[in-house]
């Protein structure tokens, strides 16, 4: 759907490690957003990135940004699994559904 090939598994492991190696949550968030803006990811890859975060609000911010950069938006529902609260799932679901 996005017309681009998603990141290869080898490259994705390196990108994910770069994010995980950041010491602070804010640094991981910034790195994740940079990775997301610069690459085309699958919904499964986004889910793996979100799993690197502890805070629900950070996961939600990154998930919102990532939605516009996935090659398979029809599979984005799998991202919901990383959230602990139904309110977060409902918010993200409304966001990806549009206005």
PDB file of N, CA and C in Angstrom:
ATOM      1  N   UNK A   1       0.787  -1.216   0.000  1.00  0.00           N
ATOM      2  CA  UNK A   1       0.000   0.000   0.000  1.00  0.00           C
ATOM      3  C   UNK A   1       0.832   1.285   0.000  1.00  0.00           C
ATOM      4  N   UNK A   2       1.966   1.335   0.691  1.00  0.00           N
ATOM      5  CA  UNK A   2       2.725   2.583   0.682  1.00  0.00           C
ATOM      6  C   UNK A   2       3.650   2.646  -0.527  1.00  0.00           C
ATOM      7  N   UNK A   3       3.784   1.551  -1.248  1.00  0.00           N
ATOM      8  CA  UNK A   3       4.610   1.550  -2.439  1.00  0.00           C
ATOM      9  C   UNK A   3       6.102   1.403  -2.176  1.00  0.00           C
ATOM     10  N   UNK A   4       6.495   1.206  -0.931  1.00  0.00           N
ATOM     11  CA  UNK A   4       7.898   1.052  -0.579  1.00  0.00           C
ATOM     12  C   UNK A   4       8.104  -0.272   0.125  1.00  0.00           C
ATOM     13  N   UNK A   5       9.308  -0.780   0.036  1.00  0.00           N
ATOM     14  CA  UNK A   5       9.657  -2.004   0.727  1.00  0.00           C
ATOM     15  C   UNK A   5       9.965  -1.669   2.179  1.00  0.00           C
ATOM     16  N   UNK A   6       9.471  -2.484   3.076  1.00  0.00           N
ATOM     17  CA  UNK A   6       9.748  -2.244   4.494  1.00  0.00           C
ATOM     18  C   UNK A   6      11.197  -2.590   4.804  1.00  0.00           C
ATOM     19  N   UNK A   7      11.633  -2.180   5.959  1.00  0.00           N
ATOM     20  CA  UNK A   7      13.009  -2.397   6.416  1.00  0.00           C
ATOM     21  C   UNK A   7      13.285  -3.903   6.524  1.00  0.00           C
ATOM     22  N   UNK A   8      14.451  -4.326   6.070  1.00  0.00           N
ATOM     23  CA  UNK A   8      14.813  -5.741   6.147  1.00  0.00           C
ATOM     24  C   UNK A   8      14.971  -6.165   7.609  1.00  0.00           C
ATOM     25  N   UNK A   9      14.798  -7.445   7.900  1.00  0.00           N
ATOM     26  CA  UNK A   9      14.947  -7.914   9.290  1.00  0.00           C
ATOM     27  C   UNK A   9      16.318  -7.576   9.887  1.00  0.00           C
ATOM     28  N   UNK A  10      17.379  -7.697   9.099  1.00  0.00           N
ATOM     29  CA  UNK A  10      18.719  -7.397   9.606  1.00  0.00           C
ATOM     30  C   UNK A  10      18.839  -5.910   9.974  1.00  0.00           C
ATOM     31  N   UNK A  11      18.411  -5.048   9.071  1.00  0.00           N
ATOM     32  CA  UNK A  11      18.471  -3.599   9.337  1.00  0.00           C
ATOM     33  C   UNK A  11      17.557  -3.238  10.503  1.00  0.00           C
ATOM     34  N   UNK A  12      16.394  -3.862  10.573  1.00  0.00           N
ATOM     35  CA  UNK A  12      15.471  -3.551  11.663  1.00  0.00           C
ATOM     36  C   UNK A  12      16.085  -3.911  13.021  1.00  0.00           C
ATOM     37  N   UNK A  13      16.763  -5.045  13.112  1.00  0.00           N
ATOM     38  CA  UNK A  13      17.414  -5.419  14.373  1.00  0.00           C
ATOM     39  C   UNK A  13      18.403  -4.345  14.807  1.00  0.00           C
ATOM     40  N   UNK A  14      19.155  -3.809  13.851  1.00  0.00           N
ATOM     41  CA  UNK A  14      20.125  -2.753  14.159  1.00  0.00           C
ATOM     42  C   UNK A  14      19.412  -1.471  14.612  1.00  0.00           C
ATOM     43  N   UNK A  15      18.336  -1.119  13.939  1.00  0.00           N
ATOM     44  CA  UNK A  15      17.575   0.081  14.326  1.00  0.00           C
ATOM     45  C   UNK A  15      16.970  -0.084  15.718  1.00  0.00           C
ATOM     46  N   UNK A  16      16.408  -1.256  15.956  1.00  0.00           N
ATOM     47  CA  UNK A  16      15.787  -1.529  17.259  1.00  0.00           C
ATOM     48  C   UNK A  16      16.832  -1.499  18.375  1.00  0.00           C
ATOM     49  N   UNK A  17      17.995  -2.034  18.120  1.00  0.00           N
ATOM     50  CA  UNK A  17      19.071  -2.012  19.109  1.00  0.00           C
ATOM     51  C   UNK A  17      19.501  -0.579  19.408  1.00  0.00           C
ATOM     52  N   UNK A  18      19.564   0.261  18.384  1.00  0.00           N
ATOM     53  CA  UNK A  18      19.919   1.664  18.583  1.00  0.00           C
ATOM     54  C   UNK A  18      18.918   2.359  19.501  1.00  0.00           C
ATOM     55  N   UNK A  19      17.652   2.032  19.317  1.00  0.00           N
ATOM     56  CA  UNK A  19      16.614   2.617  20.175  1.00  0.00           C
ATOM     57  C   UNK A  19      16.762   2.082  21.603  1.00  0.00           C
ATOM     58  N   UNK A  20      16.874   0.770  21.725  1.00  0.00           N
ATOM     59  CA  UNK A  20      16.945   0.130  23.044  1.00  0.00           C
ATOM     60  C   UNK A  20      18.166   0.562  23.836  1.00  0.00           C
ATOM     61  N   UNK A  21      19.246   0.885  23.158  1.00  0.00           N
ATOM     62  CA  UNK A  21      20.486   1.265  23.832  1.00  0.00           C
ATOM     63  C   UNK A  21      20.449   2.668  24.434  1.00  0.00           C
ATOM     64  N   UNK A  22      19.445   3.448  24.109  1.00  0.00           N
ATOM     65  CA  UNK A  22      19.327   4.787  24.694  1.00  0.00           C
ATOM     66  C   UNK A  22      18.975   4.647  26.163  1.00  0.00           C
ATOM     67  N   UNK A  23      19.646   5.397  26.993  1.00  0.00           N
ATOM     68  CA  UNK A  23      19.511   5.267  28.436  1.00  0.00           C
ATOM     69  C   UNK A  23      18.174   5.783  28.978  1.00  0.00           C
ATOM     70  N   UNK A  24      17.723   6.890  28.433  1.00  0.00           N
ATOM     71  CA  UNK A  24      16.518   7.536  28.970  1.00  0.00           C
ATOM     72  C   UNK A  24      15.323   7.326  28.048  1.00  0.00           C
ATOM     73  N   UNK A  25      14.142   7.257  28.646  1.00  0.00           N
ATOM     74  CA  UNK A  25      12.911   7.062  27.897  1.00  0.00           C
ATOM     75  C   UNK A  25      12.740   8.137  26.824  1.00  0.00           C
ATOM     76  N   UNK A  26      13.039   9.384  27.175  1.00  0.00           N
ATOM     77  CA  UNK A  26      12.877  10.477  26.203  1.00  0.00           C
ATOM     78  C   UNK A  26      13.841  10.309  25.027  1.00  0.00           C
ATOM     79  N   UNK A  27      15.033   9.824  25.299  1.00  0.00           N
ATOM     80  CA  UNK A  27      15.991   9.585  24.222  1.00  0.00           C
ATOM     81  C   UNK A  27      15.550   8.430  23.337  1.00  0.00           C
ATOM     82  N   UNK A  28      14.986   7.369  23.951  1.00  0.00           N
ATOM     83  CA  UNK A  28      14.457   6.243  23.167  1.00  0.00           C
ATOM     84  C   UNK A  28      13.295   6.713  22.290  1.00  0.00           C
ATOM     85  N   UNK A  29      12.443   7.557  22.870  1.00  0.00           N
ATOM     86  CA  UNK A  29      11.302   8.089  22.123  1.00  0.00           C
ATOM     87  C   UNK A  29      11.787   8.892  20.916  1.00  0.00           C
ATOM     88  N   UNK A  30      12.729   9.796  21.137  1.00  0.00           N
ATOM     89  CA  UNK A  30      13.247  10.622  20.043  1.00  0.00           C
ATOM     90  C   UNK A  30      13.885   9.768  18.956  1.00  0.00           C
ATOM     91  N   UNK A  31      14.650   8.770  19.363  1.00  0.00           N
ATOM     92  CA  UNK A  31      15.299   7.877  18.403  1.00  0.00           C
ATOM     93  C   UNK A  31      14.245   7.082  17.630  1.00  0.00           C
ATOM     94  N   UNK A  32      13.237   6.591  18.322  1.00  0.00           N
ATOM     95  CA  UNK A  32      12.173   5.831  17.666  1.00  0.00           C
ATOM     96  C   UNK A  32      11.455   6.694  16.630  1.00  0.00           C
ATOM     97  N   UNK A  33      11.164   7.930  16.981  1.00  0.00           N
ATOM     98  CA  UNK A  33      10.480   8.817  16.038  1.00  0.00           C
ATOM     99  C   UNK A  33      11.353   9.100  14.817  1.00  0.00           C
ATOM    100  N   UNK A  34      12.643   9.235  15.026  1.00  0.00           N
ATOM    101  CA  UNK A  34      13.560   9.446  13.913  1.00  0.00           C
ATOM    102  C   UNK A  34      13.574   8.217  12.995  1.00  0.00           C
ATOM    103  N   UNK A  35      13.646   7.035  13.590  1.00  0.00           N
ATOM    104  CA  UNK A  35      13.630   5.788  12.817  1.00  0.00           C
ATOM    105  C   UNK A  35      12.336   5.673  12.024  1.00  0.00           C
ATOM    106  N   UNK A  36      11.233   5.991  12.675  1.00  0.00           N
ATOM    107  CA  UNK A  36       9.922   5.880  12.031  1.00  0.00           C
ATOM    108  C   UNK A  36       9.805   6.844  10.854  1.00  0.00           C
ATOM    109  N   UNK A  37      10.250   8.069  11.035  1.00  0.00           N
ATOM    110  CA  UNK A  37      10.146   9.069   9.969  1.00  0.00           C
ATOM    111  C   UNK A  37      11.040   8.738   8.778  1.00  0.00           C
ATOM    112  N   UNK A  38      12.120   8.018   9.020  1.00  0.00           N
ATOM    113  CA  UNK A  38      13.118   7.764   7.980  1.00  0.00           C
ATOM    114  C   UNK A  38      12.983   6.410   7.295  1.00  0.00           C
ATOM    115  N   UNK A  39      12.029   5.593   7.724  1.00  0.00           N
ATOM    116  CA  UNK A  39      11.912   4.237   7.201  1.00  0.00           C
ATOM    117  C   UNK A  39      10.455   3.851   7.003  1.00  0.00           C
ATOM    118  N   UNK A  40      10.250   2.825   6.218  1.00  0.00           N
ATOM    119  CA  UNK A  40       8.928   2.242   6.038  1.00  0.00           C
ATOM    120  C   UNK A  40       8.913   0.931   6.810  1.00  0.00           C
ATOM    121  N   UNK A  41       8.039   0.856   7.784  1.00  0.00           N
ATOM    122  CA  UNK A  41       7.995  -0.283   8.692  1.00  0.00           C
ATOM    123  C   UNK A  41       6.722  -1.087   8.496  1.00  0.00           C
ATOM    124  N   UNK A  42       6.742  -2.313   8.967  1.00  0.00           N
ATOM    125  CA  UNK A  42       5.514  -3.104   9.018  1.00  0.00           C
ATOM    126  C   UNK A  42       4.854  -2.848  10.373  1.00  0.00           C
ATOM    127  N   UNK A  43       3.607  -3.194  10.484  1.00  0.00           N
ATOM    128  CA  UNK A  43       2.905  -3.061  11.762  1.00  0.00           C
ATOM    129  C   UNK A  43       3.586  -3.909  12.830  1.00  0.00           C
ATOM    130  N   UNK A  44       4.072  -5.079  12.449  1.00  0.00           N
ATOM    131  CA  UNK A  44       4.788  -5.935  13.393  1.00  0.00           C
ATOM    132  C   UNK A  44       6.066  -5.293  13.907  1.00  0.00           C
ATOM    133  N   UNK A  45       6.763  -4.579  13.034  1.00  0.00           N
ATOM    134  CA  UNK A  45       7.976  -3.890  13.465  1.00  0.00           C
ATOM    135  C   UNK A  45       7.644  -2.744  14.420  1.00  0.00           C
ATOM    136  N   UNK A  46       6.568  -2.042  14.142  1.00  0.00           N
ATOM    137  CA  UNK A  46       6.130  -0.972  15.051  1.00  0.00           C
ATOM    138  C   UNK A  46       5.804  -1.561  16.415  1.00  0.00           C
ATOM    139  N   UNK A  47       5.125  -2.693  16.427  1.00  0.00           N
ATOM    140  CA  UNK A  47       4.782  -3.351  17.693  1.00  0.00           C
ATOM    141  C   UNK A  47       6.050  -3.664  18.487  1.00  0.00           C
ATOM    142  N   UNK A  48       7.086  -4.146  17.810  1.00  0.00           N
ATOM    143  CA  UNK A  48       8.345  -4.450  18.503  1.00  0.00           C
ATOM    144  C   UNK A  48       8.999  -3.191  19.068  1.00  0.00           C
ATOM    145  N   UNK A  49       8.937  -2.102  18.333  1.00  0.00           N
ATOM    146  CA  UNK A  49       9.496  -0.835  18.828  1.00  0.00           C
ATOM    147  C   UNK A  49       8.725  -0.362  20.049  1.00  0.00           C
ATOM    148  N   UNK A  50       7.410  -0.444  20.000  1.00  0.00           N
ATOM    149  CA  UNK A  50       6.590   0.021  21.129  1.00  0.00           C
ATOM    150  C   UNK A  50       6.864  -0.790  22.390  1.00  0.00           C
ATOM    151  N   UNK A  51       7.212  -2.050  22.224  1.00  0.00           N
ATOM    152  CA  UNK A  51       7.506  -2.909  23.376  1.00  0.00           C
ATOM    153  C   UNK A  51       8.747  -2.448  24.140  1.00  0.00           C
ATOM    154  N   UNK A  52       9.537  -1.568  23.545  1.00  0.00           N
ATOM    155  CA  UNK A  52      10.737  -1.047  24.211  1.00  0.00           C
ATOM    156  C   UNK A  52      10.413   0.042  25.246  1.00  0.00           C
ATOM    157  N   UNK A  53       9.172   0.476  25.276  1.00  0.00           N
ATOM    158  CA  UNK A  53       8.774   1.567  26.167  1.00  0.00           C
ATOM    159  C   UNK A  53       7.939   1.069  27.333  1.00  0.00           C
ATOM    160  N   UNK A  54       8.147   1.694  28.486  1.00  0.00           N
ATOM    161  CA  UNK A  54       7.391   1.339  29.687  1.00  0.00           C
ATOM    162  C   UNK A  54       6.119   2.166  29.835  1.00  0.00           C
ATOM    163  N   UNK A  55       6.188   3.422  29.432  1.00  0.00           N
ATOM    164  CA  UNK A  55       5.077   4.341  29.679  1.00  0.00           C
ATOM    165  C   UNK A  55       4.037   4.269  28.572  1.00  0.00           C
ATOM    166  N   UNK A  56       2.815   4.123  28.982  1.00  0.00           N
ATOM    167  CA  UNK A  56       1.692   4.029  28.053  1.00  0.00           C
ATOM    168  C   UNK A  56       1.604   5.270  27.163  1.00  0.00           C
ATOM    169  N   UNK A  57       1.818   6.436  27.757  1.00  0.00           N
ATOM    170  CA  UNK A  57       1.711   7.681  26.985  1.00  0.00           C
ATOM    171  C   UNK A  57       2.779   7.753  25.895  1.00  0.00           C
ATOM    172  N   UNK A  58       3.968   7.267  26.176  1.00  0.00           N
ATOM    173  CA  UNK A  58       5.030   7.258  25.172  1.00  0.00           C
ATOM    174  C   UNK A  58       4.687   6.286  24.056  1.00  0.00           C
ATOM    175  N   UNK A  59       4.209   5.109  24.424  1.00  0.00           N
ATOM    176  CA  UNK A  59       3.795   4.132  23.417  1.00  0.00           C
ATOM    177  C   UNK A  59       2.740   4.734  22.492  1.00  0.00           C
ATOM    178  N   UNK A  60       1.799   5.444  23.083  1.00  0.00           N
ATOM    179  CA  UNK A  60       0.710   6.036  22.308  1.00  0.00           C
ATOM    180  C   UNK A  60       1.232   7.107  21.352  1.00  0.00           C
ATOM    181  N   UNK A  61       2.135   7.963  21.824  1.00  0.00           N
ATOM    182  CA  UNK A  61       2.722   8.997  20.961  1.00  0.00           C
ATOM    183  C   UNK A  61       3.454   8.376  19.777  1.00  0.00           C
ATOM    184  N   UNK A  62       4.249   7.369  20.058  1.00  0.00           N
ATOM    185  CA  UNK A  62       5.034   6.720  19.001  1.00  0.00           C
ATOM    186  C   UNK A  62       4.105   5.965  18.045  1.00  0.00           C
ATOM    187  N   UNK A  63       3.101   5.305  18.588  1.00  0.00           N
ATOM    188  CA  UNK A  63       2.153   4.554  17.750  1.00  0.00           C
ATOM    189  C   UNK A  63       1.399   5.477  16.797  1.00  0.00           C
ATOM    190  N   UNK A  64       1.016   6.644  17.282  1.00  0.00           N
ATOM    191  CA  UNK A  64       0.324   7.611  16.416  1.00  0.00           C
ATOM    192  C   UNK A  64       1.234   8.059  15.279  1.00  0.00           C
ATOM    193  N   UNK A  65       2.468   8.380  15.594  1.00  0.00           N
ATOM    194  CA  UNK A  65       3.416   8.821  14.564  1.00  0.00           C
ATOM    195  C   UNK A  65       3.707   7.704  13.572  1.00  0.00           C
ATOM    196  N   UNK A  66       3.821   6.497  14.066  1.00  0.00           N
ATOM    197  CA  UNK A  66       4.191   5.365  13.216  1.00  0.00           C
ATOM    198  C   UNK A  66       3.097   4.986  12.225  1.00  0.00           C
ATOM    199  N   UNK A  67       1.852   5.205  12.582  1.00  0.00           N
ATOM    200  CA  UNK A  67       0.753   4.776  11.713  1.00  0.00           C
ATOM    201  C   UNK A  67       0.897   5.321  10.297  1.00  0.00           C
ATOM    202  N   UNK A  68       1.395   6.522  10.182  1.00  0.00           N
ATOM    203  CA  UNK A  68       1.505   7.160   8.871  1.00  0.00           C
ATOM    204  C   UNK A  68       2.717   6.680   8.072  1.00  0.00           C
ATOM    205  N   UNK A  69       3.496   5.772   8.646  1.00  0.00           N
ATOM    206  CA  UNK A  69       4.706   5.287   7.990  1.00  0.00           C
ATOM    207  C   UNK A  69       4.734   3.765   7.830  1.00  0.00           C
ATOM    208  N   UNK A  70       3.613   3.107   8.034  1.00  0.00           N
ATOM    209  CA  UNK A  70       3.601   1.652   7.877  1.00  0.00           C
ATOM    210  C   UNK A  70       3.177   1.267   6.464  1.00  0.00           C
ATOM    211  N   UNK A  71       3.722   0.160   6.011  1.00  0.00           N
ATOM    212  CA  UNK A  71       3.397  -0.352   4.681  1.00  0.00           C
ATOM    213  C   UNK A  71       2.144  -1.215   4.678  1.00  0.00           C
ATOM    214  N   UNK A  72       1.679  -1.577   5.867  1.00  0.00           N
ATOM    215  CA  UNK A  72       0.509  -2.454   5.974  1.00  0.00           C
ATOM    216  C   UNK A  72      -0.487  -1.916   7.005  1.00  0.00           C
ATOM    217  N   UNK A  73      -1.075  -0.745   6.753  1.00  0.00           N
ATOM    218  CA  UNK A  73      -1.992  -0.170   7.736  1.00  0.00           C
ATOM    219  C   UNK A  73      -3.189  -1.069   8.055  1.00  0.00           C
ATOM    220  N   UNK A  74      -3.515  -1.974   7.140  1.00  0.00           N
ATOM    221  CA  UNK A  74      -4.630  -2.897   7.386  1.00  0.00           C
ATOM    222  C   UNK A  74      -4.321  -3.867   8.526  1.00  0.00           C
ATOM    223  N   UNK A  75      -3.059  -3.998   8.884  1.00  0.00           N
ATOM    224  CA  UNK A  75      -2.653  -4.885   9.984  1.00  0.00           C
ATOM    225  C   UNK A  75      -2.331  -4.137  11.273  1.00  0.00           C
ATOM    226  N   UNK A  76      -2.591  -2.847  11.303  1.00  0.00           N
ATOM    227  CA  UNK A  76      -2.165  -2.038  12.443  1.00  0.00           C
ATOM    228  C   UNK A  76      -2.823  -2.459  13.755  1.00  0.00           C
ATOM    229  N   UNK A  77      -3.914  -3.170  13.676  1.00  0.00           N
ATOM    230  CA  UNK A  77      -4.597  -3.635  14.888  1.00  0.00           C
ATOM    231  C   UNK A  77      -3.683  -4.474  15.781  1.00  0.00           C
ATOM    232  N   UNK A  78      -2.655  -5.107  15.224  1.00  0.00           N
ATOM    233  CA  UNK A  78      -1.765  -5.929  16.052  1.00  0.00           C
ATOM    234  C   UNK A  78      -0.963  -5.085  17.032  1.00  0.00           C
ATOM    235  N   UNK A  79      -0.826  -3.802  16.735  1.00  0.00           N
ATOM    236  CA  UNK A  79      -0.102  -2.879  17.612  1.00  0.00           C
ATOM    237  C   UNK A  79      -0.838  -2.720  18.947  1.00  0.00           C
ATOM    238  N   UNK A  80      -2.135  -2.891  18.931  1.00  0.00           N
ATOM    239  CA  UNK A  80      -2.934  -2.695  20.147  1.00  0.00           C
ATOM    240  C   UNK A  80      -2.511  -3.636  21.280  1.00  0.00           C
ATOM    241  N   UNK A  81      -1.901  -4.747  20.933  1.00  0.00           N
ATOM    242  CA  UNK A  81      -1.495  -5.733  21.942  1.00  0.00           C
ATOM    243  C   UNK A  81      -0.495  -5.197  22.958  1.00  0.00           C
ATOM    244  N   UNK A  82       0.245  -4.162  22.619  1.00  0.00           N
ATOM    245  CA  UNK A  82       1.273  -3.656  23.539  1.00  0.00           C
ATOM    246  C   UNK A  82       0.709  -2.726  24.609  1.00  0.00           C
ATOM    247  N   UNK A  83      -0.559  -2.377  24.499  1.00  0.00           N
ATOM    248  CA  UNK A  83      -1.152  -1.448  25.463  1.00  0.00           C
ATOM    249  C   UNK A  83      -1.830  -2.188  26.610  1.00  0.00           C
ATOM    250  N   UNK A  84      -1.657  -1.644  27.800  1.00  0.00           N
ATOM    251  CA  UNK A  84      -2.269  -2.237  28.997  1.00  0.00           C
ATOM    252  C   UNK A  84      -3.695  -1.766  29.214  1.00  0.00           C
ATOM    253  N   UNK A  85      -4.004  -0.559  28.749  1.00  0.00           N
ATOM    254  CA  UNK A  85      -5.296   0.035  29.055  1.00  0.00           C
ATOM    255  C   UNK A  85      -6.190   0.102  27.822  1.00  0.00           C
ATOM    256  N   UNK A  86      -7.446  -0.265  28.024  1.00  0.00           N
ATOM    257  CA  UNK A  86      -8.418  -0.187  26.932  1.00  0.00           C
ATOM    258  C   UNK A  86      -8.561   1.239  26.425  1.00  0.00           C
ATOM    259  N   UNK A  87      -8.419   2.209  27.314  1.00  0.00           N
ATOM    260  CA  UNK A  87      -8.554   3.608  26.899  1.00  0.00           C
ATOM    261  C   UNK A  87      -7.496   3.962  25.850  1.00  0.00           C
ATOM    262  N   UNK A  88      -6.301   3.424  25.992  1.00  0.00           N
ATOM    263  CA  UNK A  88      -5.245   3.680  25.007  1.00  0.00           C
ATOM    264  C   UNK A  88      -5.592   3.032  23.674  1.00  0.00           C
ATOM    265  N   UNK A  89      -6.066   1.809  23.735  1.00  0.00           N
ATOM    266  CA  UNK A  89      -6.470   1.104  22.514  1.00  0.00           C
ATOM    267  C   UNK A  89      -7.598   1.869  21.827  1.00  0.00           C
ATOM    268  N   UNK A  90      -8.589   2.312  22.597  1.00  0.00           N
ATOM    269  CA  UNK A  90      -9.712   3.049  22.025  1.00  0.00           C
ATOM    270  C   UNK A  90      -9.254   4.361  21.392  1.00  0.00           C
ATOM    271  N   UNK A  91      -8.346   5.056  22.072  1.00  0.00           N
ATOM    272  CA  UNK A  91      -7.829   6.318  21.543  1.00  0.00           C
ATOM    273  C   UNK A  91      -7.094   6.086  20.227  1.00  0.00           C
ATOM    274  N   UNK A  92      -6.190   5.099  20.196  1.00  0.00           N
ATOM    275  CA  UNK A  92      -5.428   4.821  18.988  1.00  0.00           C
ATOM    276  C   UNK A  92      -6.337   4.342  17.857  1.00  0.00           C
ATOM    277  N   UNK A  93      -7.304   3.523  18.190  1.00  0.00           N
ATOM    278  CA  UNK A  93      -8.252   3.044  17.187  1.00  0.00           C
ATOM    279  C   UNK A  93      -9.019   4.214  16.552  1.00  0.00           C
ATOM    280  N   UNK A  94      -9.452   5.150  17.384  1.00  0.00           N
ATOM    281  CA  UNK A  94     -10.148   6.344  16.864  1.00  0.00           C
ATOM    282  C   UNK A  94      -9.206   7.166  15.993  1.00  0.00           C
ATOM    283  N   UNK A  95      -7.958   7.285  16.429  1.00  0.00           N
ATOM    284  CA  UNK A  95      -6.977   8.072  15.684  1.00  0.00           C
ATOM    285  C   UNK A  95      -6.745   7.496  14.288  1.00  0.00           C
ATOM    286  N   UNK A  96      -6.548   6.183  14.212  1.00  0.00           N
ATOM    287  CA  UNK A  96      -6.263   5.588  12.900  1.00  0.00           C
ATOM    288  C   UNK A  96      -7.495   5.499  12.015  1.00  0.00           C
ATOM    289  N   UNK A  97      -8.677   5.581  12.622  1.00  0.00           N
ATOM    290  CA  UNK A  97      -9.902   5.541  11.837  1.00  0.00           C
ATOM    291  C   UNK A  97     -10.199   6.876  11.166  1.00  0.00           C
ATOM    292  N   UNK A  98      -9.495   7.918  11.592  1.00  0.00           N
ATOM    293  CA  UNK A  98      -9.701   9.241  11.000  1.00  0.00           C
ATOM    294  C   UNK A  98     -10.759  10.022  11.739  1.00  0.00           C
ATOM    295  N   UNK A  99     -11.138  11.159  11.137  1.00  0.00           N
ATOM    296  CA  UNK A  99     -12.087  12.078  11.807  1.00  0.00           C
ATOM    297  C   UNK A  99     -13.453  11.504  12.060  1.00  0.00           C
TER     298      UNK A  99
END
